[in-house]
């Protein structure tokens, strides 16, 4: 089961890729993501509006309204999933992360949002985001 047991009862920031893999079931991580998202583990999942904007691109491009709705539903109508707006403090932390690590704005916003809302873990599939020691950043391979 790996690290999944450690995630129970924690606040976990979900980056875009894990959510796509979970919803579309198109990756070898889907079983572990099902275990994480669908078990009765009392995790609190959080993300930012950046995730919503990123997951909707392909469904909108392909005019797949069913998939777009599925993404919106999981992000806005799931009891243990909270989506956060970007505020001034997050914007300032985003700039600080960009200056320090030379990362792209969307990635910096994701990290800044996770820090601002005090996530216990940051789940991503982007190895280059394992840069900030103030967050426990885990990748799908770590699961």
C-alpha atoms as a PDB file:
ATOM      1  CA  UNK A   1       0.000   0.000   0.000  1.00  0.00           C
ATOM      2  CA  UNK A   2       3.026   2.298   0.378  1.00  0.00           C
ATOM      3  CA  UNK A   3       2.593   5.889   1.435  1.00  0.00           C
ATOM      4  CA  UNK A   4      -1.188   5.844   1.018  1.00  0.00           C
ATOM      5  CA  UNK A   5      -1.593   4.765   4.655  1.00  0.00           C
ATOM      6  CA  UNK A   6       0.315   7.893   5.743  1.00  0.00           C
ATOM      7  CA  UNK A   7      -2.122  10.086   3.828  1.00  0.00           C
ATOM      8  CA  UNK A   8      -5.205   8.996   5.744  1.00  0.00           C
ATOM      9  CA  UNK A   9      -6.826  11.797   7.723  1.00  0.00           C
ATOM     10  CA  UNK A  10      -4.524  14.400   6.122  1.00  0.00           C
ATOM     11  CA  UNK A  11      -5.068  17.511   4.029  1.00  0.00           C
ATOM     12  CA  UNK A  12      -3.742  16.716   0.569  1.00  0.00           C
ATOM     13  CA  UNK A  13      -3.313  19.254  -2.214  1.00  0.00           C
ATOM     14  CA  UNK A  14      -4.081  17.592  -5.552  1.00  0.00           C
ATOM     15  CA  UNK A  15      -2.173  18.886  -8.565  1.00  0.00           C
ATOM     16  CA  UNK A  16      -3.723  18.640 -12.027  1.00  0.00           C
ATOM     17  CA  UNK A  17      -2.200  15.416 -13.396  1.00  0.00           C
ATOM     18  CA  UNK A  18      -3.354  13.094 -10.586  1.00  0.00           C
ATOM     19  CA  UNK A  19      -6.913  14.341 -11.033  1.00  0.00           C
ATOM     20  CA  UNK A  20      -6.783  13.763 -14.792  1.00  0.00           C
ATOM     21  CA  UNK A  21      -5.403  10.258 -14.305  1.00  0.00           C
ATOM     22  CA  UNK A  22      -8.119   9.483 -11.763  1.00  0.00           C
ATOM     23  CA  UNK A  23     -11.059  10.779 -13.809  1.00  0.00           C
ATOM     24  CA  UNK A  24      -9.921   9.470 -17.175  1.00  0.00           C
ATOM     25  CA  UNK A  25      -8.483   6.215 -15.855  1.00  0.00           C
ATOM     26  CA  UNK A  26      -5.831   6.345 -18.535  1.00  0.00           C
ATOM     27  CA  UNK A  27      -2.695   5.738 -16.518  1.00  0.00           C
ATOM     28  CA  UNK A  28      -1.053   2.976 -14.551  1.00  0.00           C
ATOM     29  CA  UNK A  29      -1.647   5.009 -11.350  1.00  0.00           C
ATOM     30  CA  UNK A  30      -5.446   4.809 -11.508  1.00  0.00           C
ATOM     31  CA  UNK A  31      -5.663   1.882  -9.067  1.00  0.00           C
ATOM     32  CA  UNK A  32      -3.666   3.731  -6.410  1.00  0.00           C
ATOM     33  CA  UNK A  33      -5.655   6.915  -7.026  1.00  0.00           C
ATOM     34  CA  UNK A  34      -8.910   4.975  -6.676  1.00  0.00           C
ATOM     35  CA  UNK A  35      -7.624   3.650  -3.377  1.00  0.00           C
ATOM     36  CA  UNK A  36      -6.791   7.157  -2.207  1.00  0.00           C
ATOM     37  CA  UNK A  37      -9.889   8.991  -3.458  1.00  0.00           C
ATOM     38  CA  UNK A  38     -12.552   6.328  -3.001  1.00  0.00           C
ATOM     39  CA  UNK A  39     -11.709   4.775   0.334  1.00  0.00           C
ATOM     40  CA  UNK A  40     -13.269   5.963   3.562  1.00  0.00           C
ATOM     41  CA  UNK A  41     -10.042   7.513   4.787  1.00  0.00           C
ATOM     42  CA  UNK A  42     -11.270  10.947   5.897  1.00  0.00           C
ATOM     43  CA  UNK A  43      -8.692  12.767   3.790  1.00  0.00           C
ATOM     44  CA  UNK A  44      -9.432  16.347   2.928  1.00  0.00           C
ATOM     45  CA  UNK A  45      -8.472  17.072  -0.683  1.00  0.00           C
ATOM     46  CA  UNK A  46      -7.768  20.629  -1.746  1.00  0.00           C
ATOM     47  CA  UNK A  47      -6.691  22.300  -4.956  1.00  0.00           C
ATOM     48  CA  UNK A  48      -6.742  25.697  -6.634  1.00  0.00           C
ATOM     49  CA  UNK A  49      -8.798  27.173  -9.439  1.00  0.00           C
ATOM     50  CA  UNK A  50      -5.741  26.587 -11.633  1.00  0.00           C
ATOM     51  CA  UNK A  51      -6.546  22.874 -11.523  1.00  0.00           C
ATOM     52  CA  UNK A  52     -10.064  23.547 -12.769  1.00  0.00           C
ATOM     53  CA  UNK A  53      -8.765  25.671 -15.636  1.00  0.00           C
ATOM     54  CA  UNK A  54      -6.201  23.021 -16.594  1.00  0.00           C
ATOM     55  CA  UNK A  55      -8.460  19.951 -16.446  1.00  0.00           C
ATOM     56  CA  UNK A  56     -11.162  21.582 -18.575  1.00  0.00           C
ATOM     57  CA  UNK A  57      -8.927  22.391 -21.569  1.00  0.00           C
ATOM     58  CA  UNK A  58      -9.046  19.011 -23.325  1.00  0.00           C
ATOM     59  CA  UNK A  59     -12.754  18.300 -22.705  1.00  0.00           C
ATOM     60  CA  UNK A  60     -13.654  21.766 -24.005  1.00  0.00           C
ATOM     61  CA  UNK A  61     -11.362  21.414 -27.006  1.00  0.00           C
ATOM     62  CA  UNK A  62     -12.961  18.057 -27.826  1.00  0.00           C
ATOM     63  CA  UNK A  63     -16.464  19.344 -27.006  1.00  0.00           C
ATOM     64  CA  UNK A  64     -16.805  16.582 -24.434  1.00  0.00           C
ATOM     65  CA  UNK A  65     -19.346  18.196 -22.125  1.00  0.00           C
ATOM     66  CA  UNK A  66     -19.826  14.980 -20.127  1.00  0.00           C
ATOM     67  CA  UNK A  67     -16.134  14.873 -19.163  1.00  0.00           C
ATOM     68  CA  UNK A  68     -16.043  18.613 -18.443  1.00  0.00           C
ATOM     69  CA  UNK A  69     -19.027  18.209 -16.123  1.00  0.00           C
ATOM     70  CA  UNK A  70     -17.406  15.239 -14.428  1.00  0.00           C
ATOM     71  CA  UNK A  71     -14.337  17.359 -13.630  1.00  0.00           C
ATOM     72  CA  UNK A  72     -16.435  20.257 -12.376  1.00  0.00           C
ATOM     73  CA  UNK A  73     -18.546  17.945 -10.239  1.00  0.00           C
ATOM     74  CA  UNK A  74     -15.611  16.308  -8.486  1.00  0.00           C
ATOM     75  CA  UNK A  75     -14.032  19.698  -7.780  1.00  0.00           C
ATOM     76  CA  UNK A  76     -17.152  21.536  -6.684  1.00  0.00           C
ATOM     77  CA  UNK A  77     -19.627  18.964  -5.398  1.00  0.00           C
ATOM     78  CA  UNK A  78     -17.556  16.392  -3.540  1.00  0.00           C
ATOM     79  CA  UNK A  79     -17.767  16.657   0.244  1.00  0.00           C
ATOM     80  CA  UNK A  80     -14.082  16.101   0.949  1.00  0.00           C
ATOM     81  CA  UNK A  81     -12.778  18.201  -1.966  1.00  0.00           C
ATOM     82  CA  UNK A  82     -12.276  21.963  -1.675  1.00  0.00           C
ATOM     83  CA  UNK A  83     -11.222  24.262  -4.502  1.00  0.00           C
ATOM     84  CA  UNK A  84      -9.622  27.560  -3.516  1.00  0.00           C
ATOM     85  CA  UNK A  85      -9.432  30.924  -5.227  1.00  0.00           C
ATOM     86  CA  UNK A  86      -6.175  32.840  -5.530  1.00  0.00           C
ATOM     87  CA  UNK A  87      -5.746  35.756  -3.150  1.00  0.00           C
ATOM     88  CA  UNK A  88      -3.116  38.440  -2.555  1.00  0.00           C
ATOM     89  CA  UNK A  89      -1.035  36.330  -0.163  1.00  0.00           C
ATOM     90  CA  UNK A  90      -0.988  33.437  -2.629  1.00  0.00           C
ATOM     91  CA  UNK A  91       0.005  35.817  -5.423  1.00  0.00           C
ATOM     92  CA  UNK A  92       2.931  37.107  -3.368  1.00  0.00           C
ATOM     93  CA  UNK A  93       4.046  33.585  -2.445  1.00  0.00           C
ATOM     94  CA  UNK A  94       3.724  32.622  -6.127  1.00  0.00           C
ATOM     95  CA  UNK A  95       6.129  35.417  -7.066  1.00  0.00           C
ATOM     96  CA  UNK A  96       8.533  34.344  -4.330  1.00  0.00           C
ATOM     97  CA  UNK A  97       8.505  30.727  -5.533  1.00  0.00           C
ATOM     98  CA  UNK A  98       9.013  31.795  -9.133  1.00  0.00           C
ATOM     99  CA  UNK A  99      11.933  34.010  -8.163  1.00  0.00           C
ATOM    100  CA  UNK A 100      13.546  31.326  -6.012  1.00  0.00           C
ATOM    101  CA  UNK A 101      13.025  28.266  -8.222  1.00  0.00           C
ATOM    102  CA  UNK A 102      12.402  29.647 -11.749  1.00  0.00           C
ATOM    103  CA  UNK A 103       9.216  27.621 -12.165  1.00  0.00           C
ATOM    104  CA  UNK A 104       6.184  28.390 -14.306  1.00  0.00           C
ATOM    105  CA  UNK A 105       3.407  30.537 -12.885  1.00  0.00           C
ATOM    106  CA  UNK A 106       0.729  27.786 -12.771  1.00  0.00           C
ATOM    107  CA  UNK A 107       3.093  25.467 -10.876  1.00  0.00           C
ATOM    108  CA  UNK A 108       4.047  28.245  -8.460  1.00  0.00           C
ATOM    109  CA  UNK A 109       0.367  29.070  -7.866  1.00  0.00           C
ATOM    110  CA  UNK A 110      -0.330  25.427  -7.052  1.00  0.00           C
ATOM    111  CA  UNK A 111       2.536  25.257  -4.557  1.00  0.00           C
ATOM    112  CA  UNK A 112       1.656  28.638  -3.035  1.00  0.00           C
ATOM    113  CA  UNK A 113      -1.977  27.622  -2.608  1.00  0.00           C
ATOM    114  CA  UNK A 114      -0.972  24.379  -0.914  1.00  0.00           C
ATOM    115  CA  UNK A 115       1.296  26.288   1.472  1.00  0.00           C
ATOM    116  CA  UNK A 116      -1.298  28.986   2.176  1.00  0.00           C
ATOM    117  CA  UNK A 117      -3.997  26.478   3.094  1.00  0.00           C
ATOM    118  CA  UNK A 118      -1.529  24.374   5.080  1.00  0.00           C
ATOM    119  CA  UNK A 119      -1.725  21.144   3.122  1.00  0.00           C
ATOM    120  CA  UNK A 120      -0.016  18.224   4.794  1.00  0.00           C
ATOM    121  CA  UNK A 121       0.993  16.821   1.407  1.00  0.00           C
ATOM    122  CA  UNK A 122       1.194  17.997  -2.200  1.00  0.00           C
ATOM    123  CA  UNK A 123       0.379  15.202  -4.687  1.00  0.00           C
ATOM    124  CA  UNK A 124       1.712  15.740  -8.191  1.00  0.00           C
ATOM    125  CA  UNK A 125       3.224  13.817 -11.061  1.00  0.00           C
ATOM    126  CA  UNK A 126       5.719  16.570 -11.805  1.00  0.00           C
ATOM    127  CA  UNK A 127       9.140  15.623 -10.454  1.00  0.00           C
ATOM    128  CA  UNK A 128      10.478  19.147 -10.949  1.00  0.00           C
ATOM    129  CA  UNK A 129       8.080  20.385  -8.260  1.00  0.00           C
ATOM    130  CA  UNK A 130       9.950  18.471  -5.550  1.00  0.00           C
ATOM    131  CA  UNK A 131      11.800  21.686  -4.765  1.00  0.00           C
ATOM    132  CA  UNK A 132      10.315  23.260  -1.679  1.00  0.00           C
ATOM    133  CA  UNK A 133      11.177  21.602   1.612  1.00  0.00           C
ATOM    134  CA  UNK A 134       8.390  23.451   3.427  1.00  0.00           C
ATOM    135  CA  UNK A 135       5.905  21.087   1.723  1.00  0.00           C
ATOM    136  CA  UNK A 136       5.812  17.314   1.753  1.00  0.00           C
ATOM    137  CA  UNK A 137       5.704  16.823  -1.998  1.00  0.00           C
ATOM    138  CA  UNK A 138       4.918  13.332  -3.235  1.00  0.00           C
ATOM    139  CA  UNK A 139       4.589  12.029  -6.755  1.00  0.00           C
ATOM    140  CA  UNK A 140       2.329   9.314  -8.044  1.00  0.00           C
ATOM    141  CA  UNK A 141       5.350   7.016  -8.202  1.00  0.00           C
ATOM    142  CA  UNK A 142       5.692   7.459  -4.421  1.00  0.00           C
ATOM    143  CA  UNK A 143       2.247   5.950  -3.907  1.00  0.00           C
END
